[in-house]
Amino acid sequence: MSNDKSGEPERWFSLEEIAQHMGVSRDTVRSWIRKNSIPHHRIGRQYKFKISEVDAWVESGQSANADKGH
């Protein structure tokens, strides 16, 4: 069942869930957040992610530059 046609809002994912989804460490995701390269949203002291935004970021090729310095 696809979420895009269900009418339900997309679920927010935690930093740990995104790291697991992408197969990287939490520290790697934190590094990308510090560089403001991965799409994320700050809610209080937590970072939340939408899988669709992160997947689009990867598919766009922008993630290939995430480990390079700004």
PDB file of N, CA and C in Angstrom:
ATOM      1  N   MET A   1       0.835  -1.190   0.000  1.00  0.00           N
ATOM      2  CA  MET A   1       0.000   0.000   0.000  1.00  0.00           C
ATOM      3  C   MET A   1       0.871   1.242   0.000  1.00  0.00           C
ATOM      4  N   SER A   2       0.637   2.128  -0.911  1.00  0.00           N
ATOM      5  CA  SER A   2       1.438   3.340  -1.064  1.00  0.00           C
ATOM      6  C   SER A   2       0.859   4.478  -0.231  1.00  0.00           C
ATOM      7  N   ASN A   3       1.723   5.215   0.455  1.00  0.00           N
ATOM      8  CA  ASN A   3       1.271   6.328   1.284  1.00  0.00           C
ATOM      9  C   ASN A   3       0.821   7.521   0.461  1.00  0.00           C
ATOM     10  N   ASP A   4       1.348   7.683  -0.759  1.00  0.00           N
ATOM     11  CA  ASP A   4       1.058   8.898  -1.505  1.00  0.00           C
ATOM     12  C   ASP A   4      -0.399   8.993  -1.939  1.00  0.00           C
ATOM     13  N   LYS A   5      -1.145   7.890  -2.009  1.00  0.00           N
ATOM     14  CA  LYS A   5      -2.540   7.937  -2.432  1.00  0.00           C
ATOM     15  C   LYS A   5      -3.502   7.619  -1.295  1.00  0.00           C
ATOM     16  N   SER A   6      -2.978   7.348  -0.111  1.00  0.00           N
ATOM     17  CA  SER A   6      -3.837   6.937   0.996  1.00  0.00           C
ATOM     18  C   SER A   6      -4.573   8.111   1.619  1.00  0.00           C
ATOM     19  N   GLY A   7      -4.113   9.324   1.377  1.00  0.00           N
ATOM     20  CA  GLY A   7      -4.723  10.486   1.988  1.00  0.00           C
ATOM     21  C   GLY A   7      -4.197  10.772   3.377  1.00  0.00           C
ATOM     22  N   GLU A   8      -3.405   9.866   3.922  1.00  0.00           N
ATOM     23  CA  GLU A   8      -2.833  10.081   5.248  1.00  0.00           C
ATOM     24  C   GLU A   8      -1.537  10.861   5.116  1.00  0.00           C
ATOM     25  N   PRO A   9      -1.259  11.740   6.087  1.00  0.00           N
ATOM     26  CA  PRO A   9       0.004  12.487   6.040  1.00  0.00           C
ATOM     27  C   PRO A   9       1.195  11.550   6.220  1.00  0.00           C
ATOM     28  N   GLU A  10       2.289  11.939   5.610  1.00  0.00           N
ATOM     29  CA  GLU A  10       3.517  11.152   5.718  1.00  0.00           C
ATOM     30  C   GLU A  10       4.036  11.198   7.153  1.00  0.00           C
ATOM     31  N   ARG A  11       4.502  10.075   7.633  1.00  0.00           N
ATOM     32  CA  ARG A  11       5.016   9.973   8.996  1.00  0.00           C
ATOM     33  C   ARG A  11       6.389  10.630   9.104  1.00  0.00           C
ATOM     34  N   TRP A  12       6.672  11.223  10.266  1.00  0.00           N
ATOM     35  CA  TRP A  12       7.983  11.783  10.555  1.00  0.00           C
ATOM     36  C   TRP A  12       8.884  10.677  11.074  1.00  0.00           C
ATOM     37  N   PHE A  13      10.153  10.691  10.663  1.00  0.00           N
ATOM     38  CA  PHE A  13      11.123   9.691  11.089  1.00  0.00           C
ATOM     39  C   PHE A  13      12.192  10.349  11.948  1.00  0.00           C
ATOM     40  N   SER A  14      12.698   9.588  12.914  1.00  0.00           N
ATOM     41  CA  SER A  14      13.748  10.087  13.811  1.00  0.00           C
ATOM     42  C   SER A  14      15.110   9.996  13.132  1.00  0.00           C
ATOM     43  N   LEU A  15      16.085  10.626  13.750  1.00  0.00           N
ATOM     44  CA  LEU A  15      17.457  10.566  13.257  1.00  0.00           C
ATOM     45  C   LEU A  15      17.927   9.114  13.171  1.00  0.00           C
ATOM     46  N   GLU A  16      17.634   8.340  14.197  1.00  0.00           N
ATOM     47  CA  GLU A  16      18.046   6.928  14.212  1.00  0.00           C
ATOM     48  C   GLU A  16      17.386   6.142  13.080  1.00  0.00           C
ATOM     49  N   GLU A  17      16.101   6.386  12.845  1.00  0.00           N
ATOM     50  CA  GLU A  17      15.399   5.679  11.770  1.00  0.00           C
ATOM     51  C   GLU A  17      15.954   6.057  10.401  1.00  0.00           C
ATOM     52  N   ILE A  18      16.287   7.333  10.200  1.00  0.00           N
ATOM     53  CA  ILE A  18      16.845   7.774   8.909  1.00  0.00           C
ATOM     54  C   ILE A  18      18.218   7.158   8.703  1.00  0.00           C
ATOM     55  N   ALA A  19      19.033   7.126   9.762  1.00  0.00           N
ATOM     56  CA  ALA A  19      20.362   6.511   9.649  1.00  0.00           C
ATOM     57  C   ALA A  19      20.217   5.055   9.233  1.00  0.00           C
ATOM     58  N   GLN A  20      19.284   4.366   9.853  1.00  0.00           N
ATOM     59  CA  GLN A  20      19.054   2.951   9.533  1.00  0.00           C
ATOM     60  C   GLN A  20      18.538   2.809   8.098  1.00  0.00           C
ATOM     61  N   HIS A  21      17.619   3.663   7.703  1.00  0.00           N
ATOM     62  CA  HIS A  21      17.046   3.644   6.349  1.00  0.00           C
ATOM     63  C   HIS A  21      18.134   3.814   5.292  1.00  0.00           C
ATOM     64  N   MET A  22      19.104   4.683   5.596  1.00  0.00           N
ATOM     65  CA  MET A  22      20.151   4.989   4.627  1.00  0.00           C
ATOM     66  C   MET A  22      21.374   4.081   4.767  1.00  0.00           C
ATOM     67  N   GLY A  23      21.437   3.324   5.856  1.00  0.00           N
ATOM     68  CA  GLY A  23      22.580   2.439   6.056  1.00  0.00           C
ATOM     69  C   GLY A  23      23.843   3.181   6.458  1.00  0.00           C
ATOM     70  N   VAL A  24      23.673   4.275   7.203  1.00  0.00           N
ATOM     71  CA  VAL A  24      24.811   5.056   7.689  1.00  0.00           C
ATOM     72  C   VAL A  24      24.682   5.208   9.199  1.00  0.00           C
ATOM     73  N   SER A  25      25.731   5.725   9.830  1.00  0.00           N
ATOM     74  CA  SER A  25      25.691   5.911  11.279  1.00  0.00           C
ATOM     75  C   SER A  25      24.918   7.173  11.642  1.00  0.00           C
ATOM     76  N   ARG A  26      24.480   7.242  12.890  1.00  0.00           N
ATOM     77  CA  ARG A  26      23.809   8.451  13.377  1.00  0.00           C
ATOM     78  C   ARG A  26      24.757   9.640  13.316  1.00  0.00           C
ATOM     79  N   ASP A  27      26.051   9.394  13.579  1.00  0.00           N
ATOM     80  CA  ASP A  27      27.035  10.486  13.507  1.00  0.00           C
ATOM     81  C   ASP A  27      27.136  11.060  12.098  1.00  0.00           C
ATOM     82  N   THR A  28      27.026  10.198  11.099  1.00  0.00           N
ATOM     83  CA  THR A  28      27.049  10.671   9.707  1.00  0.00           C
ATOM     84  C   THR A  28      25.860  11.578   9.443  1.00  0.00           C
ATOM     85  N   VAL A  29      24.689  11.162   9.894  1.00  0.00           N
ATOM     86  CA  VAL A  29      23.492  11.996   9.700  1.00  0.00           C
ATOM     87  C   VAL A  29      23.659  13.320  10.446  1.00  0.00           C
ATOM     88  N   ARG A  30      24.194  13.281  11.663  1.00  0.00           N
ATOM     89  CA  ARG A  30      24.427  14.517  12.425  1.00  0.00           C
ATOM     90  C   ARG A  30      25.387  15.453  11.679  1.00  0.00           C
ATOM     91  N   SER A  31      26.407  14.866  11.066  1.00  0.00           N
ATOM     92  CA  SER A  31      27.365  15.661  10.287  1.00  0.00           C
ATOM     93  C   SER A  31      26.660  16.342   9.117  1.00  0.00           C
ATOM     94  N   TRP A  32      25.795  15.623   8.430  1.00  0.00           N
ATOM     95  CA  TRP A  32      25.043  16.197   7.318  1.00  0.00           C
ATOM     96  C   TRP A  32      24.116  17.306   7.804  1.00  0.00           C
ATOM     97  N   ILE A  33      23.538  17.131   8.998  1.00  0.00           N
ATOM     98  CA  ILE A  33      22.673  18.179   9.562  1.00  0.00           C
ATOM     99  C   ILE A  33      23.496  19.433   9.831  1.00  0.00           C
ATOM    100  N   ARG A  34      24.671  19.270  10.439  1.00  0.00           N
ATOM    101  CA  ARG A  34      25.541  20.425  10.734  1.00  0.00           C
ATOM    102  C   ARG A  34      25.900  21.179   9.460  1.00  0.00           C
ATOM    103  N   LYS A  35      26.106  20.448   8.373  1.00  0.00           N
ATOM    104  CA  LYS A  35      26.443  21.073   7.084  1.00  0.00           C
ATOM    105  C   LYS A  35      25.191  21.569   6.359  1.00  0.00           C
ATOM    106  N   ASN A  36      24.026  21.312   6.959  1.00  0.00           N
ATOM    107  CA  ASN A  36      22.741  21.691   6.372  1.00  0.00           C
ATOM    108  C   ASN A  36      22.565  21.097   4.981  1.00  0.00           C
ATOM    109  N   SER A  37      23.059  19.871   4.796  1.00  0.00           N
ATOM    110  CA  SER A  37      22.942  19.273   3.473  1.00  0.00           C
ATOM    111  C   SER A  37      21.759  18.314   3.357  1.00  0.00           C
ATOM    112  N   ILE A  38      21.442  17.560   4.402  1.00  0.00           N
ATOM    113  CA  ILE A  38      20.320  16.622   4.341  1.00  0.00           C
ATOM    114  C   ILE A  38      19.027  17.366   4.693  1.00  0.00           C
ATOM    115  N   PRO A  39      17.937  17.108   3.965  1.00  0.00           N
ATOM    116  CA  PRO A  39      16.680  17.770   4.310  1.00  0.00           C
ATOM    117  C   PRO A  39      16.187  17.292   5.682  1.00  0.00           C
ATOM    118  N   HIS A  40      15.967  18.223   6.583  1.00  0.00           N
ATOM    119  CA  HIS A  40      15.517  17.883   7.933  1.00  0.00           C
ATOM    120  C   HIS A  40      14.695  19.026   8.501  1.00  0.00           C
ATOM    121  N   HIS A  41      14.012  18.724   9.573  1.00  0.00           N
ATOM    122  CA  HIS A  41      13.192  19.708  10.268  1.00  0.00           C
ATOM    123  C   HIS A  41      13.521  19.598  11.747  1.00  0.00           C
ATOM    124  N   ARG A  42      13.684  20.729  12.394  1.00  0.00           N
ATOM    125  CA  ARG A  42      13.970  20.723  13.826  1.00  0.00           C
ATOM    126  C   ARG A  42      12.672  20.966  14.575  1.00  0.00           C
ATOM    127  N   ILE A  43      12.388  20.062  15.478  1.00  0.00           N
ATOM    128  CA  ILE A  43      11.196  20.168  16.312  1.00  0.00           C
ATOM    129  C   ILE A  43      11.685  20.154  17.753  1.00  0.00           C
ATOM    130  N   GLY A  44      11.727  21.329  18.361  1.00  0.00           N
ATOM    131  CA  GLY A  44      12.323  21.436  19.692  1.00  0.00           C
ATOM    132  C   GLY A  44      13.805  21.119  19.597  1.00  0.00           C
ATOM    133  N   ARG A  45      14.247  20.133  20.368  1.00  0.00           N
ATOM    134  CA  ARG A  45      15.657  19.729  20.347  1.00  0.00           C
ATOM    135  C   ARG A  45      15.880  18.501  19.468  1.00  0.00           C
ATOM    136  N   GLN A  46      14.827  18.049  18.803  1.00  0.00           N
ATOM    137  CA  GLN A  46      14.936  16.842  17.976  1.00  0.00           C
ATOM    138  C   GLN A  46      14.933  17.200  16.498  1.00  0.00           C
ATOM    139  N   TYR A  47      15.550  16.329  15.735  1.00  0.00           N
ATOM    140  CA  TYR A  47      15.520  16.449  14.279  1.00  0.00           C
ATOM    141  C   TYR A  47      14.584  15.385  13.741  1.00  0.00           C
ATOM    142  N   LYS A  48      13.735  15.776  12.812  1.00  0.00           N
ATOM    143  CA  LYS A  48      12.790  14.850  12.195  1.00  0.00           C
ATOM    144  C   LYS A  48      12.948  14.917  10.685  1.00  0.00           C
ATOM    145  N   PHE A  49      12.604  13.837  10.037  1.00  0.00           N
ATOM    146  CA  PHE A  49      12.833  13.685   8.601  1.00  0.00           C
ATOM    147  C   PHE A  49      11.615  13.071   7.943  1.00  0.00           C
ATOM    148  N   LYS A  50      11.429  13.396   6.686  1.00  0.00           N
ATOM    149  CA  LYS A  50      10.429  12.729   5.863  1.00  0.00           C
ATOM    150  C   LYS A  50      11.193  11.879   4.849  1.00  0.00           C
ATOM    151  N   ILE A  51      10.831  10.609   4.796  1.00  0.00           N
ATOM    152  CA  ILE A  51      11.511   9.666   3.889  1.00  0.00           C
ATOM    153  C   ILE A  51      11.479  10.195   2.454  1.00  0.00           C
ATOM    154  N   SER A  52      10.355  10.760   2.033  1.00  0.00           N
ATOM    155  CA  SER A  52      10.244  11.235   0.647  1.00  0.00           C
ATOM    156  C   SER A  52      11.276  12.319   0.356  1.00  0.00           C
ATOM    157  N   GLU A  53      11.507  13.229   1.315  1.00  0.00           N
ATOM    158  CA  GLU A  53      12.482  14.306   1.113  1.00  0.00           C
ATOM    159  C   GLU A  53      13.912  13.763   1.083  1.00  0.00           C
ATOM    160  N   VAL A  54      14.205  12.840   1.986  1.00  0.00           N
ATOM    161  CA  VAL A  54      15.551  12.259   2.040  1.00  0.00           C
ATOM    162  C   VAL A  54      15.814  11.427   0.788  1.00  0.00           C
ATOM    163  N   ASP A  55      14.837  10.634   0.370  1.00  0.00           N
ATOM    164  CA  ASP A  55      15.009   9.828  -0.845  1.00  0.00           C
ATOM    165  C   ASP A  55      15.196  10.718  -2.074  1.00  0.00           C
ATOM    166  N   ALA A  56      14.441  11.816  -2.152  1.00  0.00           N
ATOM    167  CA  ALA A  56      14.587  12.750  -3.281  1.00  0.00           C
ATOM    168  C   ALA A  56      15.971  13.379  -3.261  1.00  0.00           C
ATOM    169  N   TRP A  57      16.487  13.686  -2.076  1.00  0.00           N
ATOM    170  CA  TRP A  57      17.834  14.247  -1.917  1.00  0.00           C
ATOM    171  C   TRP A  57      18.883  13.274  -2.436  1.00  0.00           C
ATOM    172  N   VAL A  58      18.734  12.000  -2.095  1.00  0.00           N
ATOM    173  CA  VAL A  58      19.674  10.980  -2.568  1.00  0.00           C
ATOM    174  C   VAL A  58      19.559  10.834  -4.085  1.00  0.00           C
ATOM    175  N   GLU A  59      18.331  10.726  -4.583  1.00  0.00           N
ATOM    176  CA  GLU A  59      18.111  10.514  -6.022  1.00  0.00           C
ATOM    177  C   GLU A  59      18.578  11.701  -6.857  1.00  0.00           C
ATOM    178  N   SER A  60      18.581  12.899  -6.275  1.00  0.00           N
ATOM    179  CA  SER A  60      18.998  14.096  -7.009  1.00  0.00           C
ATOM    180  C   SER A  60      20.514  14.159  -7.200  1.00  0.00           C
ATOM    181  N   GLY A  61      21.232  13.332  -6.428  1.00  0.00           N
ATOM    182  CA  GLY A  61      22.688  13.349  -6.511  1.00  0.00           C
ATOM    183  C   GLY A  61      23.334  14.291  -5.514  1.00  0.00           C
ATOM    184  N   GLN A  62      22.544  15.093  -4.805  1.00  0.00           N
ATOM    185  CA  GLN A  62      23.095  16.047  -3.851  1.00  0.00           C
ATOM    186  C   GLN A  62      23.792  15.351  -2.684  1.00  0.00           C
ATOM    187  N   SER A  63      23.356  14.148  -2.354  1.00  0.00           N
ATOM    188  CA  SER A  63      23.965  13.427  -1.232  1.00  0.00           C
ATOM    189  C   SER A  63      25.411  13.044  -1.537  1.00  0.00           C
ATOM    190  N   ALA A  64      25.770  12.965  -2.814  1.00  0.00           N
ATOM    191  CA  ALA A  64      27.137  12.617  -3.198  1.00  0.00           C
ATOM    192  C   ALA A  64      28.132  13.664  -2.709  1.00  0.00           C
ATOM    193  N   ASN A  65      27.660  14.888  -2.513  1.00  0.00           N
ATOM    194  CA  ASN A  65      28.520  15.987  -2.069  1.00  0.00           C
ATOM    195  C   ASN A  65      28.427  16.249  -0.559  1.00  0.00           C
ATOM    196  N   ALA A  66      27.623  15.461   0.147  1.00  0.00           N
ATOM    197  CA  ALA A  66      27.347  15.739   1.561  1.00  0.00           C
ATOM    198  C   ALA A  66      28.581  15.625   2.434  1.00  0.00           C
ATOM    199  N   ASP A  67      29.532  14.775   2.065  1.00  0.00           N
ATOM    200  CA  ASP A  67      30.716  14.592   2.893  1.00  0.00           C
ATOM    201  C   ASP A  67      31.839  15.561   2.557  1.00  0.00           C
ATOM    202  N   LYS A  68      31.635  16.358   1.530  1.00  0.00           N
ATOM    203  CA  LYS A  68      32.651  17.348   1.157  1.00  0.00           C
ATOM    204  C   LYS A  68      32.436  18.611   1.965  1.00  0.00           C
ATOM    205  N   GLY A  69      33.490  19.318   2.247  1.00  0.00           N
ATOM    206  CA  GLY A  69      33.389  20.565   3.021  1.00  0.00           C
ATOM    207  C   GLY A  69      32.667  21.637   2.260  1.00  0.00           C
ATOM    208  N   HIS A  70      32.054  22.549   2.990  1.00  0.00           N
ATOM    209  CA  HIS A  70      31.372  23.691   2.348  1.00  0.00           C
ATOM    210  C   HIS A  70      32.353  24.775   2.062  1.00  0.00           C
TER     211      HIS A  70
END
